[in-house]
Amino acid sequence: MDRIKIFAGNSNKPLALEICDTLGLTLGKSEVKSFSDGEIYVDIQESVRGVEVYVVQSVSVPCNDNLMELLIMLDAFKRASAYSITAVIPYYGYARQDRKVAPRTPISAKLVADLVTVAGATRVVCVDLHAGQIQGFFNIPVDHLYATPVLLDYIKNNFQDDTVIVSPDAGGVERARAFGKRLGASLAIIDKRRPKPNVSEVMNIIGEVEGMTAIILDDMIDTAGTITQAAEALKKQGAKKVYACATHAVLSGPAIERLEKSPIDEVVVTNTIPEREGARSKKIKRLSVGPLLGEAIKRIHYGESVSSLFV
């Protein structure tokens, strides 16, 4: 492990420190700052020649600044002759733009993959990508981790009988079914329409939820429109209690206000995105993926299976 060094940009240093604690390492010395005009400057303050470097950076708010920090850090390590450079991206920004939804729209998730590769990354580690096919946008190895073990442990320890796992849309059915199978819980699906970005409309609920504890499962909560509308629909259908679980707490715009006013009893998320001022609520419970990422890094270093973490 003495050939590993962990570095972090400004987006999620607390998570990077947790990863270091898991591995028994200290966070690498670096300075990431901006000039007065916003131009980003990176100074790596220790030798990385011949070392396995891991750069921890979530592409979250402010996503463009954090993306540029990541790219410039990768370039700095490449030019400093690091043996290998792994971009650890707990939250992969631009992942929702993974296909052309109209004739003249970009595939920004592919563009970001190209930028990360050209900047110098030799491997990428991500957590719960919005779409699995994003792995194919890279021409370098991608280790796609899941927050499943972290969320499953919490659900098993806090929820008992009469539980139904709810997918908030058709795209999340596979994820919800896998959770339900491991928990021995039933499955329900929200029939949703999305007329435009960040706007959703609940049409129907497929499955039995009356008198049960409903757990809405999603990969991210952005403006919380989908989650809160689903919660209201579940309550109308007779759900006893409603909880929400998601990996990425983007929580932009009116998200906190919507969650506070919603019938959701608790929102369980992970720390792939750090808690921000103005994005706090007593309903939100944050779980750490630091030990999970630390174990994955350790297995990558020793050439062991990463997928066995999720069996």
C-alpha atoms as a PDB file:
ATOM      1  CA  MET A   1       0.000   0.000   0.000  1.00  0.00           C
ATOM      2  CA  ASP A   2       3.019   2.336   0.208  1.00  0.00           C
ATOM      3  CA  ARG A   3       2.836   2.717  -3.583  1.00  0.00           C
ATOM      4  CA  ILE A   4      -0.671   4.226  -3.378  1.00  0.00           C
ATOM      5  CA  LYS A   5      -1.411   7.926  -2.928  1.00  0.00           C
ATOM      6  CA  ILE A   6      -4.900   9.421  -2.581  1.00  0.00           C
ATOM      7  CA  PHE A   7      -5.524  13.026  -3.650  1.00  0.00           C
ATOM      8  CA  ALA A   8      -8.680  15.113  -3.655  1.00  0.00           C
ATOM      9  CA  GLY A   9     -10.041  18.172  -5.370  1.00  0.00           C
ATOM     10  CA  ASN A  10     -12.327  20.585  -3.584  1.00  0.00           C
ATOM     11  CA  SER A  11     -15.629  18.825  -4.321  1.00  0.00           C
ATOM     12  CA  ASN A  12     -15.622  16.083  -1.670  1.00  0.00           C
ATOM     13  CA  LYS A  13     -12.601  16.123   0.644  1.00  0.00           C
ATOM     14  CA  PRO A  14     -14.504  14.594   3.610  1.00  0.00           C
ATOM     15  CA  LEU A  15     -15.164  11.454   1.539  1.00  0.00           C
ATOM     16  CA  ALA A  16     -11.504  11.338   0.413  1.00  0.00           C
ATOM     17  CA  LEU A  17     -10.429  11.477   4.075  1.00  0.00           C
ATOM     18  CA  GLU A  18     -12.769   8.578   4.910  1.00  0.00           C
ATOM     19  CA  ILE A  19     -11.235   6.541   2.087  1.00  0.00           C
ATOM     20  CA  CYS A  20      -7.769   7.307   3.469  1.00  0.00           C
ATOM     21  CA  ASP A  21      -8.859   6.212   6.968  1.00  0.00           C
ATOM     22  CA  THR A  22     -10.147   2.926   5.535  1.00  0.00           C
ATOM     23  CA  LEU A  23      -6.792   2.273   3.836  1.00  0.00           C
ATOM     24  CA  GLY A  24      -4.621   3.606   6.677  1.00  0.00           C
ATOM     25  CA  LEU A  25      -3.166   6.322   4.441  1.00  0.00           C
ATOM     26  CA  THR A  26      -2.829  10.093   4.686  1.00  0.00           C
ATOM     27  CA  LEU A  27      -4.355  12.364   2.064  1.00  0.00           C
ATOM     28  CA  GLY A  28      -1.825  13.512  -0.536  1.00  0.00           C
ATOM     29  CA  LYS A  29      -0.619  17.105  -0.368  1.00  0.00           C
ATOM     30  CA  SER A  30      -1.956  19.289  -3.128  1.00  0.00           C
ATOM     31  CA  GLU A  31      -3.373  22.755  -3.618  1.00  0.00           C
ATOM     32  CA  VAL A  32      -6.311  23.461  -5.907  1.00  0.00           C
ATOM     33  CA  LYS A  33      -7.261  27.113  -6.131  1.00  0.00           C
ATOM     34  CA  SER A  34      -8.574  29.726  -8.552  1.00  0.00           C
ATOM     35  CA  PHE A  35      -7.123  32.948  -9.882  1.00  0.00           C
ATOM     36  CA  SER A  36      -9.265  36.078  -9.580  1.00  0.00           C
ATOM     37  CA  ASP A  37     -10.788  35.468 -13.027  1.00  0.00           C
ATOM     38  CA  GLY A  38     -11.866  31.924 -12.084  1.00  0.00           C
ATOM     39  CA  GLU A  39      -9.004  30.103 -13.834  1.00  0.00           C
ATOM     40  CA  ILE A  40      -8.122  26.951 -11.886  1.00  0.00           C
ATOM     41  CA  TYR A  41      -4.577  26.267 -10.729  1.00  0.00           C
ATOM     42  CA  VAL A  42      -3.255  22.960  -9.319  1.00  0.00           C
ATOM     43  CA  ASP A  43      -0.027  22.392  -7.380  1.00  0.00           C
ATOM     44  CA  ILE A  44       0.912  18.797  -6.445  1.00  0.00           C
ATOM     45  CA  GLN A  45       3.141  19.230  -3.401  1.00  0.00           C
ATOM     46  CA  GLU A  46       4.808  15.805  -3.217  1.00  0.00           C
ATOM     47  CA  SER A  47       6.467  13.386  -5.622  1.00  0.00           C
ATOM     48  CA  VAL A  48       4.205  10.909  -7.426  1.00  0.00           C
ATOM     49  CA  ARG A  49       6.781   9.429  -9.810  1.00  0.00           C
ATOM     50  CA  GLY A  50       6.097   5.716 -10.254  1.00  0.00           C
ATOM     51  CA  VAL A  51       3.160   5.808  -7.827  1.00  0.00           C
ATOM     52  CA  GLU A  52      -0.455   4.609  -8.195  1.00  0.00           C
ATOM     53  CA  VAL A  53      -2.465   7.826  -7.885  1.00  0.00           C
ATOM     54  CA  TYR A  54      -6.177   7.974  -7.047  1.00  0.00           C
ATOM     55  CA  VAL A  55      -7.934  11.316  -7.529  1.00  0.00           C
ATOM     56  CA  VAL A  56     -11.243  11.633  -5.643  1.00  0.00           C
ATOM     57  CA  GLN A  57     -13.571  14.221  -7.189  1.00  0.00           C
ATOM     58  CA  SER A  58     -17.355  14.318  -7.574  1.00  0.00           C
ATOM     59  CA  VAL A  59     -18.642  16.276 -10.565  1.00  0.00           C
ATOM     60  CA  SER A  60     -21.319  17.964  -8.451  1.00  0.00           C
ATOM     61  CA  VAL A  61     -22.311  21.577  -7.749  1.00  0.00           C
ATOM     62  CA  PRO A  62     -20.561  23.650  -9.042  1.00  0.00           C
ATOM     63  CA  CYS A  63     -20.229  20.861 -11.611  1.00  0.00           C
ATOM     64  CA  ASN A  64     -18.257  22.737 -14.279  1.00  0.00           C
ATOM     65  CA  ASP A  65     -15.649  23.986 -11.780  1.00  0.00           C
ATOM     66  CA  ASN A  66     -15.320  20.537 -10.228  1.00  0.00           C
ATOM     67  CA  LEU A  67     -14.980  18.901 -13.649  1.00  0.00           C
ATOM     68  CA  MET A  68     -12.202  21.323 -14.629  1.00  0.00           C
ATOM     69  CA  GLU A  69     -10.437  20.707 -11.293  1.00  0.00           C
ATOM     70  CA  LEU A  70     -10.503  16.967 -12.015  1.00  0.00           C
ATOM     71  CA  LEU A  71      -9.182  17.358 -15.563  1.00  0.00           C
ATOM     72  CA  ILE A  72      -6.359  19.700 -14.534  1.00  0.00           C
ATOM     73  CA  MET A  73      -5.352  17.425 -11.642  1.00  0.00           C
ATOM     74  CA  LEU A  74      -5.248  14.420 -13.981  1.00  0.00           C
ATOM     75  CA  ASP A  75      -3.034  16.364 -16.387  1.00  0.00           C
ATOM     76  CA  ALA A  76      -0.734  17.390 -13.534  1.00  0.00           C
ATOM     77  CA  PHE A  77      -0.266  13.781 -12.404  1.00  0.00           C
ATOM     78  CA  LYS A  78       0.315  12.594 -15.972  1.00  0.00           C
ATOM     79  CA  ARG A  79       3.082  15.171 -16.403  1.00  0.00           C
ATOM     80  CA  ALA A  80       4.538  14.211 -12.994  1.00  0.00           C
ATOM     81  CA  SER A  81       5.159  10.628 -14.249  1.00  0.00           C
ATOM     82  CA  ALA A  82       2.662   8.795 -12.027  1.00  0.00           C
ATOM     83  CA  TYR A  83       2.660   5.034 -12.709  1.00  0.00           C
ATOM     84  CA  SER A  84      -1.137   4.946 -13.025  1.00  0.00           C
ATOM     85  CA  ILE A  85      -3.900   7.514 -12.503  1.00  0.00           C
ATOM     86  CA  THR A  86      -7.357   6.442 -11.386  1.00  0.00           C
ATOM     87  CA  ALA A  87     -10.150   9.014 -11.435  1.00  0.00           C
ATOM     88  CA  VAL A  88     -12.463   8.151  -8.537  1.00  0.00           C
ATOM     89  CA  ILE A  89     -15.716   9.919  -9.473  1.00  0.00           C
ATOM     90  CA  PRO A  90     -18.342   9.088  -6.818  1.00  0.00           C
ATOM     91  CA  TYR A  91     -20.922  11.204  -8.652  1.00  0.00           C
ATOM     92  CA  TYR A  92     -20.492  11.339 -12.430  1.00  0.00           C
ATOM     93  CA  GLY A  93     -21.944  14.651 -13.576  1.00  0.00           C
ATOM     94  CA  TYR A  94     -23.546  14.931 -17.040  1.00  0.00           C
ATOM     95  CA  ALA A  95     -24.546  11.250 -16.783  1.00  0.00           C
ATOM     96  CA  ARG A  96     -28.179  12.053 -17.602  1.00  0.00           C
ATOM     97  CA  GLN A  97     -27.104  13.189 -21.084  1.00  0.00           C
ATOM     98  CA  ASP A  98     -26.208   9.661 -22.166  1.00  0.00           C
ATOM     99  CA  ARG A  99     -28.091   9.577 -25.486  1.00  0.00           C
ATOM    100  CA  LYS A 100     -29.638  11.856 -28.096  1.00  0.00           C
ATOM    101  CA  VAL A 101     -33.172  12.651 -26.982  1.00  0.00           C
ATOM    102  CA  ALA A 102     -33.766  15.066 -29.883  1.00  0.00           C
ATOM    103  CA  PRO A 103     -32.165  15.528 -33.342  1.00  0.00           C
ATOM    104  CA  ARG A 104     -29.586  18.175 -32.408  1.00  0.00           C
ATOM    105  CA  THR A 105     -28.667  17.442 -28.793  1.00  0.00           C
ATOM    106  CA  PRO A 106     -25.256  16.383 -27.413  1.00  0.00           C
ATOM    107  CA  ILE A 107     -24.224  13.172 -25.702  1.00  0.00           C
ATOM    108  CA  SER A 108     -22.412  15.018 -22.922  1.00  0.00           C
ATOM    109  CA  ALA A 109     -21.718  11.892 -20.858  1.00  0.00           C
ATOM    110  CA  LYS A 110     -19.512  10.654 -23.735  1.00  0.00           C
ATOM    111  CA  LEU A 111     -17.795  14.044 -24.026  1.00  0.00           C
ATOM    112  CA  VAL A 112     -16.900  13.976 -20.317  1.00  0.00           C
ATOM    113  CA  ALA A 113     -15.557  10.422 -20.713  1.00  0.00           C
ATOM    114  CA  ASP A 114     -13.315  11.581 -23.573  1.00  0.00           C
ATOM    115  CA  LEU A 115     -12.086  14.571 -21.552  1.00  0.00           C
ATOM    116  CA  VAL A 116     -11.214  12.414 -18.531  1.00  0.00           C
ATOM    117  CA  THR A 117      -9.314   9.944 -20.722  1.00  0.00           C
ATOM    118  CA  VAL A 118      -7.392  12.587 -22.682  1.00  0.00           C
ATOM    119  CA  ALA A 119      -6.502  14.406 -19.449  1.00  0.00           C
ATOM    120  CA  GLY A 120      -4.560  11.348 -18.295  1.00  0.00           C
ATOM    121  CA  ALA A 121      -6.774   8.886 -16.423  1.00  0.00           C
ATOM    122  CA  THR A 122      -5.810   5.235 -16.921  1.00  0.00           C
ATOM    123  CA  ARG A 123      -8.793   3.889 -14.955  1.00  0.00           C
ATOM    124  CA  VAL A 124     -12.117   5.229 -13.685  1.00  0.00           C
ATOM    125  CA  VAL A 125     -14.070   4.275 -10.566  1.00  0.00           C
ATOM    126  CA  CYS A 126     -17.717   5.430 -10.371  1.00  0.00           C
ATOM    127  CA  VAL A 127     -20.656   4.806  -8.053  1.00  0.00           C
ATOM    128  CA  ASP A 128     -24.152   4.078  -9.387  1.00  0.00           C
ATOM    129  CA  LEU A 129     -23.951   5.564 -12.859  1.00  0.00           C
ATOM    130  CA  HIS A 130     -27.260   6.916 -14.140  1.00  0.00           C
ATOM    131  CA  ALA A 131     -27.028   4.450 -17.032  1.00  0.00           C
ATOM    132  CA  GLY A 132     -24.790   1.391 -17.178  1.00  0.00           C
ATOM    133  CA  GLN A 133     -23.888   1.966 -20.838  1.00  0.00           C
ATOM    134  CA  ILE A 134     -21.763   4.979 -19.835  1.00  0.00           C
ATOM    135  CA  GLN A 135     -19.037   2.448 -19.007  1.00  0.00           C
ATOM    136  CA  GLY A 136     -18.785   1.847 -22.753  1.00  0.00           C
ATOM    137  CA  PHE A 137     -18.053   5.526 -23.398  1.00  0.00           C
ATOM    138  CA  PHE A 138     -14.545   4.988 -21.990  1.00  0.00           C
ATOM    139  CA  ASN A 139     -11.675   3.241 -23.753  1.00  0.00           C
ATOM    140  CA  ILE A 140     -10.001   2.582 -20.407  1.00  0.00           C
ATOM    141  CA  PRO A 141     -11.080   0.188 -17.595  1.00  0.00           C
ATOM    142  CA  VAL A 142     -14.115   1.311 -15.581  1.00  0.00           C
ATOM    143  CA  ASP A 143     -15.014  -0.129 -12.187  1.00  0.00           C
ATOM    144  CA  HIS A 144     -18.713   0.555 -11.673  1.00  0.00           C
ATOM    145  CA  LEU A 145     -19.480   0.325  -7.953  1.00  0.00           C
ATOM    146  CA  TYR A 146     -22.919   0.178  -6.375  1.00  0.00           C
ATOM    147  CA  ALA A 147     -24.103   1.691  -3.096  1.00  0.00           C
ATOM    148  CA  THR A 148     -26.324  -1.388  -2.710  1.00  0.00           C
ATOM    149  CA  PRO A 149     -24.458  -2.930   0.294  1.00  0.00           C
ATOM    150  CA  VAL A 150     -24.589   0.364   2.204  1.00  0.00           C
ATOM    151  CA  LEU A 151     -28.291   1.004   1.555  1.00  0.00           C
ATOM    152  CA  LEU A 152     -29.281  -2.657   2.026  1.00  0.00           C
ATOM    153  CA  ASP A 153     -27.670  -2.842   5.467  1.00  0.00           C
ATOM    154  CA  TYR A 154     -29.550   0.255   6.566  1.00  0.00           C
ATOM    155  CA  ILE A 155     -32.893  -1.023   5.234  1.00  0.00           C
ATOM    156  CA  LYS A 156     -32.410  -4.476   6.815  1.00  0.00           C
ATOM    157  CA  ASN A 157     -31.630  -2.931  10.202  1.00  0.00           C
ATOM    158  CA  ASN A 158     -34.445  -0.369  10.183  1.00  0.00           C
ATOM    159  CA  PHE A 159     -37.371  -1.859   8.233  1.00  0.00           C
ATOM    160  CA  GLN A 160     -39.082  -5.144   8.955  1.00  0.00           C
ATOM    161  CA  ASP A 161     -42.294  -6.670   7.633  1.00  0.00           C
ATOM    162  CA  ASP A 162     -44.835  -5.448   5.072  1.00  0.00           C
ATOM    163  CA  THR A 163     -42.222  -3.617   2.981  1.00  0.00           C
ATOM    164  CA  VAL A 164     -42.635  -2.824  -0.694  1.00  0.00           C
ATOM    165  CA  ILE A 165     -39.778  -1.501  -2.843  1.00  0.00           C
ATOM    166  CA  VAL A 166     -41.029   1.126  -5.272  1.00  0.00           C
ATOM    167  CA  SER A 167     -39.361   2.066  -8.552  1.00  0.00           C
ATOM    168  CA  PRO A 168     -40.198   5.717  -9.362  1.00  0.00           C
ATOM    169  CA  ASP A 169     -40.128   4.995 -13.121  1.00  0.00           C
ATOM    170  CA  ALA A 170     -39.795   2.137 -15.602  1.00  0.00           C
ATOM    171  CA  GLY A 171     -36.035   2.709 -15.944  1.00  0.00           C
ATOM    172  CA  GLY A 172     -35.386   1.841 -12.294  1.00  0.00           C
ATOM    173  CA  VAL A 173     -37.314  -1.443 -12.229  1.00  0.00           C
ATOM    174  CA  GLU A 174     -34.210  -3.641 -12.461  1.00  0.00           C
ATOM    175  CA  ARG A 175     -32.599  -1.845  -9.501  1.00  0.00           C
ATOM    176  CA  ALA A 176     -35.776  -2.047  -7.407  1.00  0.00           C
ATOM    177  CA  ARG A 177     -36.319  -5.725  -8.272  1.00  0.00           C
ATOM    178  CA  ALA A 178     -32.769  -6.591  -7.158  1.00  0.00           C
ATOM    179  CA  PHE A 179     -33.327  -4.794  -3.847  1.00  0.00           C
ATOM    180  CA  GLY A 180     -36.681  -6.459  -3.343  1.00  0.00           C
ATOM    181  CA  LYS A 181     -35.209  -9.902  -4.028  1.00  0.00           C
ATOM    182  CA  ARG A 182     -32.469  -9.442  -1.424  1.00  0.00           C
ATOM    183  CA  LEU A 183     -34.920  -8.114   1.154  1.00  0.00           C
ATOM    184  CA  GLY A 184     -37.712 -10.550   0.402  1.00  0.00           C
ATOM    185  CA  ALA A 185     -39.955  -7.561  -0.292  1.00  0.00           C
ATOM    186  CA  SER A 186     -42.597  -7.051  -2.975  1.00  0.00           C
ATOM    187  CA  LEU A 187     -42.237  -4.634  -5.901  1.00  0.00           C
ATOM    188  CA  ALA A 188     -44.292  -1.697  -7.126  1.00  0.00           C
ATOM    189  CA  ILE A 189     -43.711   0.594 -10.113  1.00  0.00           C
ATOM    190  CA  ILE A 190     -44.697   4.221 -10.666  1.00  0.00           C
ATOM    191  CA  ASP A 191     -45.936   4.906 -14.193  1.00  0.00           C
ATOM    192  CA  LYS A 192     -44.410   8.356 -14.799  1.00  0.00           C
ATOM    193  CA  ARG A 193     -44.275  10.805 -17.665  1.00  0.00           C
ATOM    194  CA  ARG A 194     -41.581  13.469 -18.035  1.00  0.00           C
ATOM    195  CA  PRO A 195     -42.813  16.238 -20.394  1.00  0.00           C
ATOM    196  CA  LYS A 196     -39.564  18.233 -19.977  1.00  0.00           C
ATOM    197  CA  PRO A 197     -36.313  18.114 -17.905  1.00  0.00           C
ATOM    198  CA  ASN A 198     -36.813  18.305 -14.108  1.00  0.00           C
ATOM    199  CA  VAL A 199     -40.607  17.973 -14.537  1.00  0.00           C
ATOM    200  CA  SER A 200     -42.465  14.706 -13.962  1.00  0.00           C
ATOM    201  CA  GLU A 201     -46.089  13.563 -13.743  1.00  0.00           C
ATOM    202  CA  VAL A 202     -47.274  10.431 -11.929  1.00  0.00           C
ATOM    203  CA  MET A 203     -49.906   8.525 -13.893  1.00  0.00           C
ATOM    204  CA  ASN A 204     -50.461   5.163 -12.149  1.00  0.00           C
ATOM    205  CA  ILE A 205     -49.070   2.775  -9.520  1.00  0.00           C
ATOM    206  CA  ILE A 206     -48.507  -0.816 -10.601  1.00  0.00           C
ATOM    207  CA  GLY A 207     -48.481  -3.176  -7.617  1.00  0.00           C
ATOM    208  CA  GLU A 208     -50.001  -3.481  -4.143  1.00  0.00           C
ATOM    209  CA  VAL A 209     -49.019  -0.802  -1.595  1.00  0.00           C
ATOM    210  CA  GLU A 210     -52.073  -0.456   0.654  1.00  0.00           C
ATOM    211  CA  GLY A 211     -51.227  -0.874   4.355  1.00  0.00           C
ATOM    212  CA  MET A 212     -47.517  -1.367   3.585  1.00  0.00           C
ATOM    213  CA  THR A 213     -44.289   0.538   4.232  1.00  0.00           C
ATOM    214  CA  ALA A 214     -43.166   1.869   0.829  1.00  0.00           C
ATOM    215  CA  ILE A 215     -39.481   2.514   0.098  1.00  0.00           C
ATOM    216  CA  ILE A 216     -38.939   4.540  -3.084  1.00  0.00           C
ATOM    217  CA  LEU A 217     -35.588   3.602  -4.624  1.00  0.00           C
ATOM    218  CA  ASP A 218     -33.722   5.787  -7.137  1.00  0.00           C
ATOM    219  CA  ASP A 219     -30.154   6.545  -8.205  1.00  0.00           C
ATOM    220  CA  MET A 220     -30.407  10.284  -7.485  1.00  0.00           C
ATOM    221  CA  ILE A 221     -32.618  12.998  -6.059  1.00  0.00           C
ATOM    222  CA  ASP A 222     -32.237  16.245  -7.992  1.00  0.00           C
ATOM    223  CA  THR A 223     -35.172  18.660  -7.665  1.00  0.00           C
ATOM    224  CA  ALA A 224     -37.124  15.960  -5.736  1.00  0.00           C
ATOM    225  CA  GLY A 225     -40.151  16.319  -8.013  1.00  0.00           C
ATOM    226  CA  THR A 226     -40.274  12.633  -8.915  1.00  0.00           C
ATOM    227  CA  ILE A 227     -39.776  11.399  -5.341  1.00  0.00           C
ATOM    228  CA  THR A 228     -42.333  13.712  -3.735  1.00  0.00           C
ATOM    229  CA  GLN A 229     -45.002  13.095  -6.395  1.00  0.00           C
ATOM    230  CA  ALA A 230     -44.448   9.346  -6.022  1.00  0.00           C
ATOM    231  CA  ALA A 231     -44.795   9.662  -2.232  1.00  0.00           C
ATOM    232  CA  GLU A 232     -48.099  11.533  -2.541  1.00  0.00           C
ATOM    233  CA  ALA A 233     -49.428   8.927  -4.994  1.00  0.00           C
ATOM    234  CA  LEU A 234     -48.401   6.088  -2.646  1.00  0.00           C
ATOM    235  CA  LYS A 235     -50.136   7.745   0.290  1.00  0.00           C
ATOM    236  CA  LYS A 236     -53.327   8.140  -1.763  1.00  0.00           C
ATOM    237  CA  GLN A 237     -53.145   4.415  -2.556  1.00  0.00           C
ATOM    238  CA  GLY A 238     -53.044   3.620   1.183  1.00  0.00           C
ATOM    239  CA  ALA A 239     -49.318   3.191   1.943  1.00  0.00           C
ATOM    240  CA  LYS A 240     -48.784   3.185   5.724  1.00  0.00           C
ATOM    241  CA  LYS A 241     -45.419   4.974   5.632  1.00  0.00           C
ATOM    242  CA  VAL A 242     -43.222   6.251   2.800  1.00  0.00           C
ATOM    243  CA  TYR A 243     -39.424   6.368   2.766  1.00  0.00           C
ATOM    244  CA  ALA A 244     -36.973   7.275  -0.008  1.00  0.00           C
ATOM    245  CA  CYS A 245     -33.521   5.827  -0.726  1.00  0.00           C
ATOM    246  CA  ALA A 246     -31.078   7.208  -3.287  1.00  0.00           C
ATOM    247  CA  THR A 247     -27.342   7.136  -3.866  1.00  0.00           C
ATOM    248  CA  HIS A 248     -26.751  10.713  -5.037  1.00  0.00           C
ATOM    249  CA  ALA A 249     -28.248  13.673  -3.165  1.00  0.00           C
ATOM    250  CA  VAL A 250     -28.016  16.407  -5.820  1.00  0.00           C
ATOM    251  CA  LEU A 251     -30.795  18.388  -4.085  1.00  0.00           C
ATOM    252  CA  SER A 252     -30.944  21.387  -6.407  1.00  0.00           C
ATOM    253  CA  GLY A 253     -33.551  24.126  -6.757  1.00  0.00           C
ATOM    254  CA  PRO A 254     -36.699  23.535  -4.679  1.00  0.00           C
ATOM    255  CA  ALA A 255     -35.649  20.026  -3.535  1.00  0.00           C
ATOM    256  CA  ILE A 256     -35.406  20.697   0.210  1.00  0.00           C
ATOM    257  CA  GLU A 257     -38.668  22.643   0.336  1.00  0.00           C
ATOM    258  CA  ARG A 258     -40.446  19.848  -1.543  1.00  0.00           C
ATOM    259  CA  LEU A 259     -39.041  17.151   0.760  1.00  0.00           C
ATOM    260  CA  GLU A 260     -40.040  19.091   3.880  1.00  0.00           C
ATOM    261  CA  LYS A 261     -43.635  19.468   2.653  1.00  0.00           C
ATOM    262  CA  SER A 262     -43.917  15.899   1.355  1.00  0.00           C
ATOM    263  CA  PRO A 263     -45.385  12.886   3.209  1.00  0.00           C
ATOM    264  CA  ILE A 264     -41.962  11.186   3.117  1.00  0.00           C
ATOM    265  CA  ASP A 265     -40.897  10.140   6.631  1.00  0.00           C
ATOM    266  CA  GLU A 266     -37.166   9.823   5.907  1.00  0.00           C
ATOM    267  CA  VAL A 267     -34.801  10.246   2.958  1.00  0.00           C
ATOM    268  CA  VAL A 268     -31.726   7.973   3.004  1.00  0.00           C
ATOM    269  CA  VAL A 269     -28.811   9.035   0.783  1.00  0.00           C
ATOM    270  CA  THR A 270     -25.045   8.511   0.617  1.00  0.00           C
ATOM    271  CA  ASN A 271     -22.177  11.009   0.766  1.00  0.00           C
ATOM    272  CA  THR A 272     -21.102  10.712  -2.891  1.00  0.00           C
ATOM    273  CA  ILE A 273     -22.096  14.404  -2.950  1.00  0.00           C
ATOM    274  CA  PRO A 274     -21.193  16.402   0.176  1.00  0.00           C
ATOM    275  CA  GLU A 275     -23.825  18.174   2.235  1.00  0.00           C
ATOM    276  CA  ARG A 276     -24.168  21.799   1.163  1.00  0.00           C
ATOM    277  CA  GLU A 277     -25.298  24.863   3.039  1.00  0.00           C
ATOM    278  CA  GLY A 278     -28.922  25.404   2.144  1.00  0.00           C
ATOM    279  CA  ALA A 279     -29.431  21.731   1.250  1.00  0.00           C
ATOM    280  CA  ARG A 280     -30.055  20.389   4.741  1.00  0.00           C
ATOM    281  CA  SER A 281     -33.139  18.772   6.188  1.00  0.00           C
ATOM    282  CA  LYS A 282     -33.969  16.800   9.325  1.00  0.00           C
ATOM    283  CA  LYS A 283     -35.576  14.209   7.065  1.00  0.00           C
ATOM    284  CA  ILE A 284     -32.262  13.392   5.347  1.00  0.00           C
ATOM    285  CA  LYS A 285     -30.072  10.564   6.662  1.00  0.00           C
ATOM    286  CA  ARG A 286     -26.602  10.309   5.085  1.00  0.00           C
ATOM    287  CA  LEU A 287     -24.647   7.055   4.873  1.00  0.00           C
ATOM    288  CA  SER A 288     -20.969   6.810   3.961  1.00  0.00           C
ATOM    289  CA  VAL A 289     -19.560   5.026   0.906  1.00  0.00           C
ATOM    290  CA  GLY A 290     -15.993   5.751   2.098  1.00  0.00           C
ATOM    291  CA  PRO A 291     -15.305   2.188   3.342  1.00  0.00           C
ATOM    292  CA  LEU A 292     -16.790   0.772   0.120  1.00  0.00           C
ATOM    293  CA  LEU A 293     -14.551   2.941  -2.093  1.00  0.00           C
ATOM    294  CA  GLY A 294     -11.551   2.210   0.123  1.00  0.00           C
ATOM    295  CA  GLU A 295     -12.081  -1.537  -0.199  1.00  0.00           C
ATOM    296  CA  ALA A 296     -12.478  -1.202  -3.980  1.00  0.00           C
ATOM    297  CA  ILE A 297      -9.196   0.744  -4.254  1.00  0.00           C
ATOM    298  CA  LYS A 298      -7.443  -1.899  -2.158  1.00  0.00           C
ATOM    299  CA  ARG A 299      -8.734  -4.688  -4.422  1.00  0.00           C
ATOM    300  CA  ILE A 300      -7.725  -2.806  -7.573  1.00  0.00           C
ATOM    301  CA  HIS A 301      -4.223  -2.368  -6.148  1.00  0.00           C
ATOM    302  CA  TYR A 302      -3.857  -6.082  -5.322  1.00  0.00           C
ATOM    303  CA  GLY A 303      -5.496  -7.272  -8.547  1.00  0.00           C
ATOM    304  CA  GLU A 304      -8.488  -8.825  -6.749  1.00  0.00           C
ATOM    305  CA  SER A 305     -12.131  -9.007  -7.793  1.00  0.00           C
ATOM    306  CA  VAL A 306     -14.176  -5.846  -7.289  1.00  0.00           C
ATOM    307  CA  SER A 307     -17.478  -7.323  -8.476  1.00  0.00           C
ATOM    308  CA  SER A 308     -17.449  -9.815  -5.580  1.00  0.00           C
ATOM    309  CA  LEU A 309     -18.180  -6.853  -3.286  1.00  0.00           C
ATOM    310  CA  PHE A 310     -21.747  -6.879  -4.607  1.00  0.00           C
ATOM    311  CA  VAL A 311     -22.548 -10.591  -4.758  1.00  0.00           C
END
